[in-house]
C-alpha cells in the first residue's frame, strides 16, 4: 500500500481525486502501469 501511495504521488499529475478515492476507482490500465513501474524499479541495476 505504501508503494502504491508513493507511485501515485510521484507519477500521477496533480488535480486528480484524493488518493483514497483513486484507489477505489483506479482503472485496470493504471494498475498495469503501476505493476510495470514496480517491476522495472525492481529489475533496474543499483548505481
N, C-alpha and C. Protein backbone atom coordinates (compact mmCIF):
# COMPACT_ATOMS: atom_id res chain seq x y z
N UNK A 1 0.83 -1.19 0.00
CA UNK A 1 0.00 0.00 0.00
C UNK A 1 0.87 1.26 0.00
N UNK A 2 1.95 1.23 0.76
CA UNK A 2 2.85 2.38 0.82
C UNK A 2 3.48 2.64 -0.55
N UNK A 3 3.86 1.59 -1.25
CA UNK A 3 4.47 1.76 -2.57
C UNK A 3 3.47 2.32 -3.57
N UNK A 4 2.22 1.89 -3.48
CA UNK A 4 1.19 2.42 -4.36
C UNK A 4 1.00 3.91 -4.09
N UNK A 5 0.95 4.28 -2.83
CA UNK A 5 0.79 5.70 -2.47
C UNK A 5 1.95 6.53 -3.02
N UNK A 6 3.17 6.05 -2.85
CA UNK A 6 4.33 6.77 -3.38
C UNK A 6 4.27 6.89 -4.89
N UNK A 7 3.86 5.82 -5.56
CA UNK A 7 3.75 5.86 -7.02
C UNK A 7 2.75 6.93 -7.46
N UNK A 8 1.59 6.94 -6.85
CA UNK A 8 0.58 7.92 -7.23
C UNK A 8 1.06 9.34 -6.97
N UNK A 9 1.75 9.56 -5.88
CA UNK A 9 2.25 10.90 -5.57
C UNK A 9 3.32 11.34 -6.56
N UNK A 10 4.18 10.43 -6.99
CA UNK A 10 5.27 10.77 -7.91
C UNK A 10 4.84 10.81 -9.37
N UNK A 11 4.05 9.86 -9.80
CA UNK A 11 3.81 9.65 -11.22
C UNK A 11 2.51 10.22 -11.76
N UNK A 12 1.55 10.47 -10.91
CA UNK A 12 0.26 10.96 -11.39
C UNK A 12 0.25 12.48 -11.36
N UNK A 13 -0.35 13.08 -12.36
CA UNK A 13 -0.38 14.55 -12.41
C UNK A 13 -1.26 15.10 -11.30
N UNK A 14 -1.04 16.36 -10.96
CA UNK A 14 -1.84 16.98 -9.92
C UNK A 14 -3.25 17.22 -10.44
N UNK A 15 -4.16 17.41 -9.53
CA UNK A 15 -5.54 17.65 -9.92
C UNK A 15 -6.39 16.40 -9.91
N UNK A 16 -5.78 15.25 -9.68
CA UNK A 16 -6.55 14.01 -9.59
C UNK A 16 -7.30 14.00 -8.27
N UNK A 17 -8.28 13.15 -8.17
CA UNK A 17 -9.03 12.98 -6.92
C UNK A 17 -8.08 12.54 -5.82
N UNK A 18 -8.45 12.73 -4.57
CA UNK A 18 -7.60 12.26 -3.47
C UNK A 18 -7.26 10.78 -3.62
N UNK A 19 -6.14 10.39 -3.06
CA UNK A 19 -5.63 9.03 -3.24
C UNK A 19 -6.63 7.97 -2.83
N UNK A 20 -7.32 8.15 -1.72
CA UNK A 20 -8.29 7.13 -1.28
C UNK A 20 -9.35 6.90 -2.35
N UNK A 21 -9.85 7.96 -2.94
CA UNK A 21 -10.85 7.82 -3.99
C UNK A 21 -10.23 7.17 -5.22
N UNK A 22 -9.02 7.53 -5.54
CA UNK A 22 -8.36 6.97 -6.72
C UNK A 22 -8.18 5.47 -6.58
N UNK A 23 -7.77 5.02 -5.41
CA UNK A 23 -7.52 3.60 -5.24
C UNK A 23 -8.80 2.79 -5.39
N UNK A 24 -9.92 3.39 -5.07
CA UNK A 24 -11.20 2.69 -5.20
C UNK A 24 -11.59 2.58 -6.67
N UNK A 25 -11.31 3.62 -7.44
CA UNK A 25 -11.76 3.64 -8.84
C UNK A 25 -10.62 3.52 -9.84
N UNK A 26 -9.45 3.10 -9.37
CA UNK A 26 -8.30 3.01 -10.28
C UNK A 26 -8.62 2.06 -11.43
N UNK A 27 -8.29 2.50 -12.61
CA UNK A 27 -8.60 1.69 -13.78
C UNK A 27 -7.61 0.53 -13.90
N UNK A 28 -7.98 -0.45 -14.66
CA UNK A 28 -7.09 -1.59 -14.91
C UNK A 28 -5.80 -1.12 -15.56
N UNK A 29 -5.91 -0.18 -16.49
CA UNK A 29 -4.74 0.33 -17.18
C UNK A 29 -3.78 1.01 -16.21
N UNK A 30 -4.28 1.81 -15.30
CA UNK A 30 -3.42 2.47 -14.32
C UNK A 30 -2.77 1.45 -13.39
N UNK A 31 -3.50 0.41 -13.03
CA UNK A 31 -2.91 -0.62 -12.18
C UNK A 31 -1.80 -1.35 -12.91
N UNK A 32 -2.01 -1.63 -14.19
CA UNK A 32 -0.98 -2.28 -15.00
C UNK A 32 0.25 -1.39 -15.09
N UNK A 33 0.05 -0.09 -15.28
CA UNK A 33 1.19 0.85 -15.32
C UNK A 33 1.97 0.80 -14.01
N UNK A 34 1.25 0.73 -12.89
CA UNK A 34 1.91 0.64 -11.59
C UNK A 34 2.74 -0.65 -11.50
N UNK A 35 2.17 -1.77 -11.91
CA UNK A 35 2.87 -3.05 -11.84
C UNK A 35 4.12 -3.00 -12.72
N UNK A 36 4.00 -2.46 -13.92
CA UNK A 36 5.16 -2.34 -14.82
C UNK A 36 6.23 -1.46 -14.18
N UNK A 37 5.82 -0.35 -13.59
CA UNK A 37 6.76 0.54 -12.92
C UNK A 37 7.50 -0.19 -11.80
N UNK A 38 6.77 -0.93 -10.98
CA UNK A 38 7.38 -1.66 -9.87
C UNK A 38 8.35 -2.72 -10.36
N UNK A 39 7.98 -3.44 -11.41
CA UNK A 39 8.87 -4.46 -11.96
C UNK A 39 10.15 -3.81 -12.49
N UNK A 40 10.00 -2.70 -13.22
CA UNK A 40 11.17 -2.00 -13.76
C UNK A 40 12.08 -1.51 -12.64
N UNK A 41 11.50 -0.96 -11.57
CA UNK A 41 12.30 -0.49 -10.44
C UNK A 41 13.02 -1.65 -9.76
N UNK A 42 12.37 -2.79 -9.69
CA UNK A 42 12.97 -3.96 -9.05
C UNK A 42 14.13 -4.50 -9.88
N UNK A 43 13.97 -4.49 -11.20
CA UNK A 43 14.98 -5.07 -12.08
C UNK A 43 16.11 -4.10 -12.43
N UNK A 44 15.91 -2.80 -12.19
CA UNK A 44 16.93 -1.81 -12.55
C UNK A 44 18.16 -2.01 -11.69
N UNK A 45 19.34 -2.03 -12.33
CA UNK A 45 20.57 -2.19 -11.55
C UNK A 45 20.78 -1.03 -10.58
N UNK A 46 21.28 -1.33 -9.42
CA UNK A 46 21.59 -0.29 -8.43
C UNK A 46 22.84 0.46 -8.87
N UNK A 47 22.85 1.78 -8.63
CA UNK A 47 24.02 2.58 -9.04
C UNK A 47 24.88 2.90 -7.86
